[in-house]
Amino acid sequence: MFGNKLDPLDAYGEVGIGTAVSTASPHQLIVLLFEGARQAVVVARSGIESGDIPRKGAAITKAIDIILNGLRASLNLEEGGNLAQNLYALYDYMARRLLHANLHNDKAALDEVLNLLTEIHGAWVQIGDAKQGEPAEDPAR
């Protein structure tokens, strides 16, 4: 009757994400993008394991979108030097691996991308902790 039928848990998640994004620093936004991409890869893997091809495809599409239109687009190639260039190439590589995983139901390719995202996410978390003067969080956690 009124708008979309939205599961209450989905609605709660949307509000939580919206609040986190609206109050986040640029650094925190990058951390959120990594978390979103990682979660999408996990959902894609679950879709492969359960045979839910539409779920897998939607999750991989979401991960690619976050990586290319969020993480890669946030790079400053003019001022970022070799690091920005290397991350740009790595994000392209991850997108290609995700496309491969989608076409071939390749869980190993998803795991590879998840590991890369986890490593870079850990580094971003450490940078944020160091900026705040807090001890760096263990990226393995």
Protein backbone atom coordinates (compact mmCIF):
# COMPACT_ATOMS: atom_id res chain seq x y z
CA MET A 1 0.00 0.00 0.00
CA PHE A 2 2.79 2.42 0.92
CA GLY A 3 5.94 2.17 -1.21
CA ASN A 4 8.07 -0.95 -1.45
CA LYS A 5 7.58 -4.01 0.66
CA LEU A 6 10.83 -4.12 2.57
CA ASP A 7 11.79 -6.73 5.10
CA PRO A 8 12.21 -5.02 8.50
CA LEU A 9 15.76 -6.37 8.82
CA ASP A 10 16.63 -5.05 5.37
CA ALA A 11 15.15 -1.68 6.30
CA TYR A 12 17.18 -1.61 9.51
CA GLY A 13 20.33 -2.44 7.53
CA GLU A 14 19.62 0.31 5.02
CA VAL A 15 19.20 2.87 7.81
CA GLY A 16 22.39 1.64 9.50
CA ILE A 17 24.40 1.87 6.30
CA GLY A 18 22.95 5.26 5.46
CA THR A 19 23.85 6.59 8.88
CA ALA A 20 27.38 5.15 8.71
CA VAL A 21 27.94 6.69 5.26
CA SER A 22 26.54 10.10 6.16
CA THR A 23 28.78 10.42 9.23
CA ALA A 24 31.93 8.78 7.84
CA SER A 25 35.20 10.48 7.01
CA PRO A 26 36.69 9.87 3.54
CA HIS A 27 38.97 7.25 5.12
CA GLN A 28 36.02 5.51 6.79
CA LEU A 29 34.11 5.51 3.50
CA ILE A 30 36.94 3.54 1.87
CA VAL A 31 36.86 1.07 4.78
CA LEU A 32 33.08 0.70 4.28
CA LEU A 33 33.60 0.07 0.56
CA PHE A 34 36.06 -2.70 1.34
CA GLU A 35 33.64 -4.23 3.82
CA GLY A 36 30.83 -4.10 1.27
CA ALA A 37 32.95 -5.69 -1.44
CA ARG A 38 34.13 -8.43 0.91
CA GLN A 39 30.57 -9.18 1.99
CA ALA A 40 29.41 -9.35 -1.63
CA VAL A 41 32.16 -11.88 -2.44
CA VAL A 42 31.10 -14.01 0.54
CA VAL A 43 27.49 -13.92 -0.67
CA ALA A 44 28.63 -14.87 -4.20
CA ARG A 45 30.53 -17.85 -2.82
CA SER A 46 27.45 -18.92 -0.89
CA GLY A 47 25.40 -18.59 -4.08
CA ILE A 48 27.78 -20.93 -5.92
CA GLU A 49 27.71 -23.45 -3.07
CA SER A 50 23.91 -23.45 -2.88
CA GLY A 51 23.40 -23.42 -6.65
CA ASP A 52 21.65 -20.05 -6.47
CA ILE A 53 22.96 -18.60 -9.72
CA PRO A 54 20.93 -15.34 -9.62
CA ARG A 55 22.20 -14.63 -6.09
CA LYS A 56 25.78 -15.37 -7.17
CA GLY A 57 25.48 -13.13 -10.21
CA ALA A 58 23.94 -10.23 -8.30
CA ALA A 59 26.59 -10.44 -5.58
CA ILE A 60 29.46 -10.55 -8.07
CA THR A 61 27.98 -7.60 -9.94
CA LYS A 62 27.78 -5.69 -6.66
CA ALA A 63 31.40 -6.55 -5.77
CA ILE A 64 32.65 -5.43 -9.18
CA ASP A 65 30.65 -2.21 -8.93
CA ILE A 66 32.12 -1.43 -5.50
CA ILE A 67 35.65 -2.23 -6.63
CA LEU A 68 35.59 -0.33 -9.92
CA ASN A 69 33.14 2.51 -9.23
CA GLY A 70 34.00 2.97 -5.57
CA LEU A 71 37.53 1.90 -4.72
CA ARG A 72 39.19 2.42 -8.11
CA ALA A 73 37.32 5.66 -8.77
CA SER A 74 38.55 7.07 -5.45
CA LEU A 75 42.20 6.83 -6.48
CA ASN A 76 44.06 10.04 -7.25
CA LEU A 77 46.36 8.87 -10.04
CA GLU A 78 48.02 12.29 -10.39
CA GLU A 79 49.11 12.60 -6.78
CA GLY A 80 49.11 8.97 -5.67
CA GLY A 81 52.25 7.92 -7.52
CA ASN A 82 53.15 4.26 -7.88
CA LEU A 83 50.85 3.18 -5.06
CA ALA A 84 47.78 4.59 -6.79
CA GLN A 85 48.88 3.07 -10.13
CA ASN A 86 49.43 -0.33 -8.51
CA LEU A 87 46.06 -0.24 -6.73
CA TYR A 88 44.37 0.76 -9.99
CA ALA A 89 45.86 -2.28 -11.72
CA LEU A 90 45.00 -4.53 -8.77
CA TYR A 91 41.37 -3.39 -8.76
CA ASP A 92 41.15 -4.14 -12.49
CA TYR A 93 42.65 -7.58 -11.86
CA MET A 94 40.11 -8.26 -9.11
CA ALA A 95 37.24 -7.30 -11.41
CA ARG A 96 38.55 -9.67 -14.10
CA ARG A 97 38.87 -12.50 -11.55
CA LEU A 98 35.30 -11.85 -10.40
CA LEU A 99 34.05 -12.00 -13.99
CA HIS A 100 35.91 -15.29 -14.39
CA ALA A 101 34.36 -16.59 -11.15
CA ASN A 102 30.91 -15.63 -12.40
CA LEU A 103 31.35 -17.36 -15.75
CA HIS A 104 32.94 -20.53 -14.38
CA ASN A 105 31.51 -20.79 -10.83
CA ASP A 106 35.11 -20.61 -9.65
CA LYS A 107 35.21 -20.47 -5.84
CA ALA A 108 39.02 -20.30 -5.88
CA ALA A 109 38.87 -17.04 -7.86
CA LEU A 110 36.39 -15.64 -5.33
CA ASP A 111 38.69 -16.71 -2.49
CA GLU A 112 41.63 -15.01 -4.22
CA VAL A 113 39.73 -11.73 -4.51
CA LEU A 114 38.46 -12.03 -0.94
CA ASN A 115 42.03 -12.49 0.31
CA LEU A 116 43.23 -9.45 -1.64
CA LEU A 117 40.36 -7.32 -0.36
CA THR A 118 41.01 -8.51 3.20
CA GLU A 119 44.70 -7.61 3.02
CA ILE A 120 44.08 -4.13 1.66
CA HIS A 121 41.18 -3.58 4.07
CA GLY A 122 43.49 -4.47 6.96
CA ALA A 123 46.02 -1.92 5.78
CA TRP A 124 43.33 0.79 5.58
CA VAL A 125 42.16 -0.05 9.09
CA GLN A 126 45.74 0.23 10.37
CA ILE A 127 46.19 3.59 8.66
CA GLY A 128 43.02 4.87 10.31
CA ASP A 129 44.09 3.59 13.71
CA ALA A 130 47.51 5.20 13.34
CA LYS A 131 45.91 8.53 12.37
CA GLN A 132 43.79 8.45 15.50
CA GLY A 133 46.81 7.66 17.68
CA GLU A 134 45.40 4.30 18.65
CA PRO A 135 47.35 1.05 18.50
CA ALA A 136 46.88 -0.55 15.08
CA GLU A 137 44.27 -3.28 14.92
CA ASP A 138 45.53 -6.71 13.93
CA PRO A 139 44.46 -7.08 10.25
CA ALA A 140 44.26 -10.85 10.72
CA ARG A 141 41.25 -10.41 13.00
